[in-house]
Amino acid sequence: MTGARAAGSDDGQPPEATKTTQECKDGKVWDEKKKECVDPQKSGFNDDQLYRAARELAYAGQYDNAIRVLRLARNQDDPRILNYLGFANRKAGNVEIGMSYYRKALAKDANYLLARSYYGQGLLLQGDVEGARAQLVEIRDRGGRDTYAYSSLYDALKGSATY
Protein backbone atom coordinates (compact mmCIF):
# COMPACT_ATOMS: atom_id res chain seq x y z
CA MET A 1 0.00 0.00 0.00
CA THR A 2 1.77 3.08 -1.25
CA GLY A 3 2.17 5.91 1.24
CA ALA A 4 0.07 4.24 3.91
CA ARG A 5 1.61 3.26 7.19
CA ALA A 6 1.38 -0.39 8.10
CA ALA A 7 2.38 0.07 11.74
CA GLY A 8 4.49 -3.02 12.11
CA SER A 9 2.26 -6.06 12.19
CA ASP A 10 -0.61 -3.94 13.46
CA ASP A 11 -3.27 -4.13 10.79
CA GLY A 12 -5.93 -3.34 13.36
CA GLN A 13 -7.25 -6.86 13.57
CA PRO A 14 -7.54 -7.99 17.18
CA PRO A 15 -4.34 -9.76 18.22
CA GLU A 16 -4.17 -13.45 18.99
CA ALA A 17 -4.64 -14.05 22.70
CA THR A 18 -1.47 -15.08 24.49
CA LYS A 19 -0.74 -16.00 28.07
CA THR A 20 -0.83 -12.26 28.88
CA THR A 21 -4.62 -12.33 28.66
CA GLN A 22 -5.19 -16.05 29.12
CA GLU A 23 -3.21 -16.61 32.33
CA CYS A 24 -1.84 -13.37 33.77
CA LYS A 25 -3.87 -11.43 36.32
CA ASP A 26 -3.73 -8.02 37.98
CA GLY A 27 -2.15 -6.22 35.01
CA LYS A 28 0.79 -8.58 34.70
CA VAL A 29 2.17 -9.59 31.31
CA TRP A 30 3.67 -12.82 30.05
CA ASP A 31 7.46 -12.90 29.87
CA GLU A 32 8.42 -15.49 27.27
CA LYS A 33 12.01 -15.72 28.54
CA LYS A 34 11.03 -16.32 32.16
CA LYS A 35 7.94 -18.35 31.25
CA GLU A 36 5.86 -16.53 33.83
CA CYS A 37 3.62 -13.53 34.39
CA VAL A 38 5.57 -10.47 35.49
CA ASP A 39 4.89 -6.93 36.59
CA PRO A 40 5.37 -4.90 33.38
CA GLN A 41 7.17 -2.19 35.34
CA LYS A 42 9.84 -4.69 36.34
CA SER A 43 9.88 -6.65 33.09
CA GLY A 44 12.68 -4.84 31.29
CA PHE A 45 10.61 -5.12 28.11
CA ASN A 46 11.54 -2.92 25.17
CA ASP A 47 8.95 -0.63 23.57
CA ASP A 48 7.89 -3.23 20.99
CA GLN A 49 7.21 -5.81 23.69
CA LEU A 50 5.31 -3.29 25.80
CA TYR A 51 3.31 -2.21 22.75
CA ARG A 52 2.32 -5.79 21.87
CA ALA A 53 1.31 -6.58 25.46
CA ALA A 54 -0.68 -3.35 25.81
CA ARG A 55 -2.41 -3.87 22.48
CA GLU A 56 -3.49 -7.34 23.57
CA LEU A 57 -4.72 -6.02 26.92
CA ALA A 58 -6.65 -3.22 25.20
CA TYR A 59 -8.42 -5.59 22.81
CA ALA A 60 -9.24 -7.84 25.78
CA GLY A 61 -11.03 -4.91 27.43
CA GLN A 62 -8.33 -4.34 30.07
CA TYR A 63 -8.05 -0.66 29.22
CA ASP A 64 -6.51 0.59 32.47
CA ASN A 65 -3.88 -2.15 32.36
CA ALA A 66 -3.13 -1.30 28.73
CA ILE A 67 -2.66 2.36 29.62
CA ARG A 68 -0.31 1.46 32.49
CA VAL A 69 1.81 -0.70 30.17
CA LEU A 70 1.88 1.93 27.40
CA ARG A 71 3.06 4.58 29.85
CA LEU A 72 6.17 2.45 30.45
CA ALA A 73 7.35 2.83 26.85
CA ARG A 74 10.53 4.86 26.55
CA ASN A 75 9.38 6.57 23.34
CA GLN A 76 6.12 8.24 24.27
CA ASP A 77 6.12 9.92 20.84
CA ASP A 78 5.90 6.61 18.95
CA PRO A 79 2.68 6.87 16.89
CA ARG A 80 1.80 3.27 17.81
CA ILE A 81 2.02 4.07 21.52
CA LEU A 82 0.01 7.27 21.05
CA ASN A 83 -2.64 5.46 18.99
CA TYR A 84 -3.21 2.76 21.57
CA LEU A 85 -3.21 5.30 24.40
CA GLY A 86 -6.00 6.87 22.38
CA PHE A 87 -7.78 3.56 21.87
CA ALA A 88 -7.55 2.44 25.51
CA ASN A 89 -8.63 5.83 26.85
CA ARG A 90 -11.54 6.14 24.41
CA LYS A 91 -12.76 2.64 25.20
CA ALA A 92 -12.39 3.30 28.95
CA GLY A 93 -14.74 6.28 28.57
CA ASN A 94 -12.08 8.99 28.52
CA VAL A 95 -13.08 10.03 25.02
CA GLU A 96 -11.51 13.48 24.86
CA ILE A 97 -8.22 12.20 26.28
CA GLY A 98 -8.29 9.42 23.70
CA MET A 99 -8.98 11.90 20.91
CA SER A 100 -6.00 14.00 21.96
CA TYR A 101 -3.74 10.95 21.67
CA TYR A 102 -5.07 10.17 18.18
CA ARG A 103 -4.34 13.76 17.11
CA LYS A 104 -0.79 13.42 18.46
CA ALA A 105 -0.30 10.12 16.63
CA LEU A 106 -1.51 11.66 13.37
CA ALA A 107 0.70 14.72 13.87
CA LYS A 108 3.66 12.32 14.07
CA ASP A 109 2.51 10.15 11.14
CA ALA A 110 -0.32 11.46 8.95
CA ASN A 111 -0.33 8.14 7.04
CA TYR A 112 -1.09 6.01 10.10
CA LEU A 113 -4.36 4.62 8.77
CA LEU A 114 -5.42 2.76 11.90
CA ALA A 115 -5.07 5.95 13.95
CA ARG A 116 -7.27 7.69 11.36
CA SER A 117 -9.83 4.91 11.64
CA TYR A 118 -9.94 5.00 15.45
CA TYR A 119 -10.00 8.79 15.39
CA GLY A 120 -12.95 8.64 12.99
CA GLN A 121 -14.73 6.18 15.27
CA GLY A 122 -14.14 8.57 18.16
CA LEU A 123 -15.60 11.40 16.09
CA LEU A 124 -18.68 9.26 15.48
CA LEU A 125 -18.97 8.65 19.21
CA GLN A 126 -18.96 12.43 19.65
CA GLY A 127 -21.67 12.84 16.98
CA ASP A 128 -19.36 14.24 14.29
CA VAL A 129 -20.47 12.13 11.33
CA GLU A 130 -18.94 14.50 8.77
CA GLY A 131 -15.60 14.43 10.57
CA ALA A 132 -15.68 10.62 10.55
CA ARG A 133 -16.49 10.62 6.82
CA ALA A 134 -13.55 12.95 6.23
CA GLN A 135 -11.26 10.43 7.96
CA LEU A 136 -12.66 7.65 5.75
CA VAL A 137 -11.82 9.72 2.67
CA GLU A 138 -8.32 10.37 4.05
CA ILE A 139 -7.79 6.63 4.57
CA ARG A 140 -8.95 5.90 1.02
CA ASP A 141 -6.90 8.71 -0.51
CA ARG A 142 -3.78 7.54 1.32
CA GLY A 143 -4.01 4.12 -0.30
CA GLY A 144 -5.98 2.34 2.39
CA ARG A 145 -9.18 1.41 0.54
CA ASP A 146 -8.62 -2.33 1.03
CA THR A 147 -7.52 -2.20 4.67
CA TYR A 148 -9.06 -3.08 7.99
CA ALA A 149 -8.76 0.60 8.95
CA TYR A 150 -11.06 1.57 6.07
CA SER A 151 -13.55 -1.26 6.48
CA SER A 152 -13.93 -0.83 10.25
CA LEU A 153 -14.60 2.91 9.94
CA TYR A 154 -16.90 2.31 6.97
CA ASP A 155 -18.86 -0.26 9.01
CA ALA A 156 -19.02 2.13 11.98
CA LEU A 157 -20.46 4.82 9.69
CA LYS A 158 -23.13 2.33 8.62
CA GLY A 159 -24.03 1.76 12.27
CA SER A 160 -22.05 -1.38 13.00
CA ALA A 161 -19.95 -1.77 16.14
CA THR A 162 -16.85 0.35 16.60
CA TYR A 163 -13.48 -0.73 17.90
C-alpha atoms as a PDB file:
ATOM      1  CA  MET A   1       0.000   0.000   0.000  1.00  0.00           C
ATOM      2  CA  THR A   2       1.772   3.077  -1.247  1.00  0.00           C
ATOM      3  CA  GLY A   3       2.173   5.915   1.237  1.00  0.00           C
ATOM      4  CA  ALA A   4       0.074   4.245   3.906  1.00  0.00           C
ATOM      5  CA  ARG A   5       1.612   3.257   7.187  1.00  0.00           C
ATOM      6  CA  ALA A   6       1.382  -0.390   8.100  1.00  0.00           C
ATOM      7  CA  ALA A   7       2.381   0.069  11.744  1.00  0.00           C
ATOM      8  CA  GLY A   8       4.493  -3.021  12.110  1.00  0.00           C
ATOM      9  CA  SER A   9       2.257  -6.064  12.185  1.00  0.00           C
ATOM     10  CA  ASP A  10      -0.612  -3.938  13.465  1.00  0.00           C
ATOM     11  CA  ASP A  11      -3.267  -4.128  10.788  1.00  0.00           C
ATOM     12  CA  GLY A  12      -5.933  -3.343  13.363  1.00  0.00           C
ATOM     13  CA  GLN A  13      -7.252  -6.864  13.571  1.00  0.00           C
ATOM     14  CA  PRO A  14      -7.545  -7.994  17.178  1.00  0.00           C
ATOM     15  CA  PRO A  15      -4.336  -9.761  18.218  1.00  0.00           C
ATOM     16  CA  GLU A  16      -4.172 -13.448  18.994  1.00  0.00           C
ATOM     17  CA  ALA A  17      -4.639 -14.051  22.700  1.00  0.00           C
ATOM     18  CA  THR A  18      -1.469 -15.076  24.487  1.00  0.00           C
ATOM     19  CA  LYS A  19      -0.742 -15.998  28.071  1.00  0.00           C
ATOM     20  CA  THR A  20      -0.828 -12.259  28.881  1.00  0.00           C
ATOM     21  CA  THR A  21      -4.625 -12.329  28.658  1.00  0.00           C
ATOM     22  CA  GLN A  22      -5.185 -16.050  29.123  1.00  0.00           C
ATOM     23  CA  GLU A  23      -3.207 -16.610  32.327  1.00  0.00           C
ATOM     24  CA  CYS A  24      -1.837 -13.371  33.767  1.00  0.00           C
ATOM     25  CA  LYS A  25      -3.873 -11.428  36.323  1.00  0.00           C
ATOM     26  CA  ASP A  26      -3.727  -8.017  37.977  1.00  0.00           C
ATOM     27  CA  GLY A  27      -2.155  -6.220  35.009  1.00  0.00           C
ATOM     28  CA  LYS A  28       0.790  -8.576  34.697  1.00  0.00           C
ATOM     29  CA  VAL A  29       2.171  -9.591  31.313  1.00  0.00           C
ATOM     30  CA  TRP A  30       3.673 -12.820  30.048  1.00  0.00           C
ATOM     31  CA  ASP A  31       7.458 -12.901  29.867  1.00  0.00           C
ATOM     32  CA  GLU A  32       8.421 -15.491  27.270  1.00  0.00           C
ATOM     33  CA  LYS A  33      12.009 -15.719  28.538  1.00  0.00           C
ATOM     34  CA  LYS A  34      11.027 -16.319  32.159  1.00  0.00           C
ATOM     35  CA  LYS A  35       7.942 -18.351  31.250  1.00  0.00           C
ATOM     36  CA  GLU A  36       5.862 -16.525  33.834  1.00  0.00           C
ATOM     37  CA  CYS A  37       3.624 -13.529  34.395  1.00  0.00           C
ATOM     38  CA  VAL A  38       5.575 -10.468  35.491  1.00  0.00           C
ATOM     39  CA  ASP A  39       4.885  -6.926  36.587  1.00  0.00           C
ATOM     40  CA  PRO A  40       5.365  -4.904  33.381  1.00  0.00           C
ATOM     41  CA  GLN A  41       7.171  -2.186  35.342  1.00  0.00           C
ATOM     42  CA  LYS A  42       9.836  -4.690  36.338  1.00  0.00           C
ATOM     43  CA  SER A  43       9.877  -6.651  33.091  1.00  0.00           C
ATOM     44  CA  GLY A  44      12.676  -4.844  31.287  1.00  0.00           C
ATOM     45  CA  PHE A  45      10.605  -5.117  28.111  1.00  0.00           C
ATOM     46  CA  ASN A  46      11.539  -2.919  25.169  1.00  0.00           C
ATOM     47  CA  ASP A  47       8.947  -0.632  23.574  1.00  0.00           C
ATOM     48  CA  ASP A  48       7.886  -3.230  20.994  1.00  0.00           C
ATOM     49  CA  GLN A  49       7.214  -5.810  23.688  1.00  0.00           C
ATOM     50  CA  LEU A  50       5.313  -3.286  25.804  1.00  0.00           C
ATOM     51  CA  TYR A  51       3.305  -2.213  22.753  1.00  0.00           C
ATOM     52  CA  ARG A  52       2.315  -5.787  21.869  1.00  0.00           C
ATOM     53  CA  ALA A  53       1.311  -6.580  25.462  1.00  0.00           C
ATOM     54  CA  ALA A  54      -0.678  -3.348  25.812  1.00  0.00           C
ATOM     55  CA  ARG A  55      -2.409  -3.871  22.478  1.00  0.00           C
ATOM     56  CA  GLU A  56      -3.489  -7.339  23.566  1.00  0.00           C
ATOM     57  CA  LEU A  57      -4.717  -6.015  26.921  1.00  0.00           C
ATOM     58  CA  ALA A  58      -6.653  -3.222  25.196  1.00  0.00           C
ATOM     59  CA  TYR A  59      -8.423  -5.589  22.814  1.00  0.00           C
ATOM     60  CA  ALA A  60      -9.240  -7.837  25.778  1.00  0.00           C
ATOM     61  CA  GLY A  61     -11.030  -4.915  27.434  1.00  0.00           C
ATOM     62  CA  GLN A  62      -8.333  -4.340  30.073  1.00  0.00           C
ATOM     63  CA  TYR A  63      -8.045  -0.655  29.218  1.00  0.00           C
ATOM     64  CA  ASP A  64      -6.512   0.587  32.474  1.00  0.00           C
ATOM     65  CA  ASN A  65      -3.879  -2.153  32.360  1.00  0.00           C
ATOM     66  CA  ALA A  66      -3.127  -1.305  28.726  1.00  0.00           C
ATOM     67  CA  ILE A  67      -2.664   2.363  29.625  1.00  0.00           C
ATOM     68  CA  ARG A  68      -0.306   1.464  32.485  1.00  0.00           C
ATOM     69  CA  VAL A  69       1.806  -0.699  30.174  1.00  0.00           C
ATOM     70  CA  LEU A  70       1.878   1.930  27.400  1.00  0.00           C
ATOM     71  CA  ARG A  71       3.065   4.580  29.849  1.00  0.00           C
ATOM     72  CA  LEU A  72       6.171   2.453  30.453  1.00  0.00           C
ATOM     73  CA  ALA A  73       7.348   2.833  26.852  1.00  0.00           C
ATOM     74  CA  ARG A  74      10.527   4.859  26.551  1.00  0.00           C
ATOM     75  CA  ASN A  75       9.385   6.567  23.340  1.00  0.00           C
ATOM     76  CA  GLN A  76       6.119   8.244  24.270  1.00  0.00           C
ATOM     77  CA  ASP A  77       6.123   9.920  20.837  1.00  0.00           C
ATOM     78  CA  ASP A  78       5.898   6.613  18.949  1.00  0.00           C
ATOM     79  CA  PRO A  79       2.676   6.867  16.893  1.00  0.00           C
ATOM     80  CA  ARG A  80       1.797   3.269  17.812  1.00  0.00           C
ATOM     81  CA  ILE A  81       2.024   4.072  21.522  1.00  0.00           C
ATOM     82  CA  LEU A  82       0.011   7.266  21.047  1.00  0.00           C
ATOM     83  CA  ASN A  83      -2.636   5.458  18.988  1.00  0.00           C
ATOM     84  CA  TYR A  84      -3.214   2.759  21.574  1.00  0.00           C
ATOM     85  CA  LEU A  85      -3.207   5.302  24.400  1.00  0.00           C
ATOM     86  CA  GLY A  86      -6.004   6.872  22.379  1.00  0.00           C
ATOM     87  CA  PHE A  87      -7.783   3.560  21.870  1.00  0.00           C
ATOM     88  CA  ALA A  88      -7.554   2.443  25.505  1.00  0.00           C
ATOM     89  CA  ASN A  89      -8.634   5.833  26.854  1.00  0.00           C
ATOM     90  CA  ARG A  90     -11.538   6.145  24.407  1.00  0.00           C
ATOM     91  CA  LYS A  91     -12.760   2.641  25.195  1.00  0.00           C
ATOM     92  CA  ALA A  92     -12.389   3.305  28.950  1.00  0.00           C
ATOM     93  CA  GLY A  93     -14.742   6.279  28.567  1.00  0.00           C
ATOM     94  CA  ASN A  94     -12.081   8.990  28.520  1.00  0.00           C
ATOM     95  CA  VAL A  95     -13.078  10.035  25.020  1.00  0.00           C
ATOM     96  CA  GLU A  96     -11.512  13.483  24.860  1.00  0.00           C
ATOM     97  CA  ILE A  97      -8.222  12.203  26.282  1.00  0.00           C
ATOM     98  CA  GLY A  98      -8.287   9.424  23.700  1.00  0.00           C
ATOM     99  CA  MET A  99      -8.980  11.900  20.906  1.00  0.00           C
ATOM    100  CA  SER A 100      -6.003  14.004  21.957  1.00  0.00           C
ATOM    101  CA  TYR A 101      -3.738  10.948  21.673  1.00  0.00           C
ATOM    102  CA  TYR A 102      -5.070  10.173  18.176  1.00  0.00           C
ATOM    103  CA  ARG A 103      -4.338  13.760  17.110  1.00  0.00           C
ATOM    104  CA  LYS A 104      -0.792  13.424  18.461  1.00  0.00           C
ATOM    105  CA  ALA A 105      -0.303  10.115  16.626  1.00  0.00           C
ATOM    106  CA  LEU A 106      -1.512  11.663  13.372  1.00  0.00           C
ATOM    107  CA  ALA A 107       0.699  14.716  13.870  1.00  0.00           C
ATOM    108  CA  LYS A 108       3.659  12.319  14.066  1.00  0.00           C
ATOM    109  CA  ASP A 109       2.508  10.149  11.138  1.00  0.00           C
ATOM    110  CA  ALA A 110      -0.315  11.455   8.946  1.00  0.00           C
ATOM    111  CA  ASN A 111      -0.334   8.143   7.041  1.00  0.00           C
ATOM    112  CA  TYR A 112      -1.092   6.012  10.098  1.00  0.00           C
ATOM    113  CA  LEU A 113      -4.360   4.619   8.771  1.00  0.00           C
ATOM    114  CA  LEU A 114      -5.418   2.762  11.897  1.00  0.00           C
ATOM    115  CA  ALA A 115      -5.071   5.946  13.951  1.00  0.00           C
ATOM    116  CA  ARG A 116      -7.274   7.689  11.360  1.00  0.00           C
ATOM    117  CA  SER A 117      -9.835   4.908  11.643  1.00  0.00           C
ATOM    118  CA  TYR A 118      -9.941   4.999  15.446  1.00  0.00           C
ATOM    119  CA  TYR A 119     -10.004   8.793  15.390  1.00  0.00           C
ATOM    120  CA  GLY A 120     -12.955   8.639  12.987  1.00  0.00           C
ATOM    121  CA  GLN A 121     -14.732   6.184  15.272  1.00  0.00           C
ATOM    122  CA  GLY A 122     -14.144   8.567  18.161  1.00  0.00           C
ATOM    123  CA  LEU A 123     -15.600  11.401  16.092  1.00  0.00           C
ATOM    124  CA  LEU A 124     -18.676   9.261  15.484  1.00  0.00           C
ATOM    125  CA  LEU A 125     -18.968   8.653  19.211  1.00  0.00           C
ATOM    126  CA  GLN A 126     -18.960  12.429  19.653  1.00  0.00           C
ATOM    127  CA  GLY A 127     -21.669  12.839  16.985  1.00  0.00           C
ATOM    128  CA  ASP A 128     -19.361  14.238  14.289  1.00  0.00           C
ATOM    129  CA  VAL A 129     -20.466  12.125  11.328  1.00  0.00           C
ATOM    130  CA  GLU A 130     -18.942  14.503   8.774  1.00  0.00           C
ATOM    131  CA  GLY A 131     -15.598  14.428  10.567  1.00  0.00           C
ATOM    132  CA  ALA A 132     -15.678  10.622  10.549  1.00  0.00           C
ATOM    133  CA  ARG A 133     -16.491  10.618   6.819  1.00  0.00           C
ATOM    134  CA  ALA A 134     -13.548  12.955   6.227  1.00  0.00           C
ATOM    135  CA  GLN A 135     -11.261  10.429   7.959  1.00  0.00           C
ATOM    136  CA  LEU A 136     -12.655   7.652   5.754  1.00  0.00           C
ATOM    137  CA  VAL A 137     -11.818   9.717   2.668  1.00  0.00           C
ATOM    138  CA  GLU A 138      -8.320  10.365   4.049  1.00  0.00           C
ATOM    139  CA  ILE A 139      -7.787   6.626   4.567  1.00  0.00           C
ATOM    140  CA  ARG A 140      -8.948   5.902   1.019  1.00  0.00           C
ATOM    141  CA  ASP A 141      -6.903   8.714  -0.507  1.00  0.00           C
ATOM    142  CA  ARG A 142      -3.777   7.542   1.324  1.00  0.00           C
ATOM    143  CA  GLY A 143      -4.007   4.118  -0.303  1.00  0.00           C
ATOM    144  CA  GLY A 144      -5.981   2.343   2.394  1.00  0.00           C
ATOM    145  CA  ARG A 145      -9.184   1.410   0.540  1.00  0.00           C
ATOM    146  CA  ASP A 146      -8.622  -2.325   1.035  1.00  0.00           C
ATOM    147  CA  THR A 147      -7.517  -2.205   4.670  1.00  0.00           C
ATOM    148  CA  TYR A 148      -9.059  -3.084   7.985  1.00  0.00           C
ATOM    149  CA  ALA A 149      -8.761   0.599   8.948  1.00  0.00           C
ATOM    150  CA  TYR A 150     -11.057   1.571   6.070  1.00  0.00           C
ATOM    151  CA  SER A 151     -13.555  -1.261   6.476  1.00  0.00           C
ATOM    152  CA  SER A 152     -13.927  -0.833  10.249  1.00  0.00           C
ATOM    153  CA  LEU A 153     -14.604   2.910   9.942  1.00  0.00           C
ATOM    154  CA  TYR A 154     -16.901   2.313   6.974  1.00  0.00           C
ATOM    155  CA  ASP A 155     -18.856  -0.260   9.012  1.00  0.00           C
ATOM    156  CA  ALA A 156     -19.024   2.134  11.977  1.00  0.00           C
ATOM    157  CA  LEU A 157     -20.458   4.825   9.695  1.00  0.00           C
ATOM    158  CA  LYS A 158     -23.130   2.334   8.623  1.00  0.00           C
ATOM    159  CA  GLY A 159     -24.030   1.757  12.267  1.00  0.00           C
ATOM    160  CA  SER A 160     -22.046  -1.376  13.003  1.00  0.00           C
ATOM    161  CA  ALA A 161     -19.950  -1.773  16.139  1.00  0.00           C
ATOM    162  CA  THR A 162     -16.847   0.352  16.603  1.00  0.00           C
ATOM    163  CA  TYR A 163     -13.475  -0.726  17.904  1.00  0.00           C
END
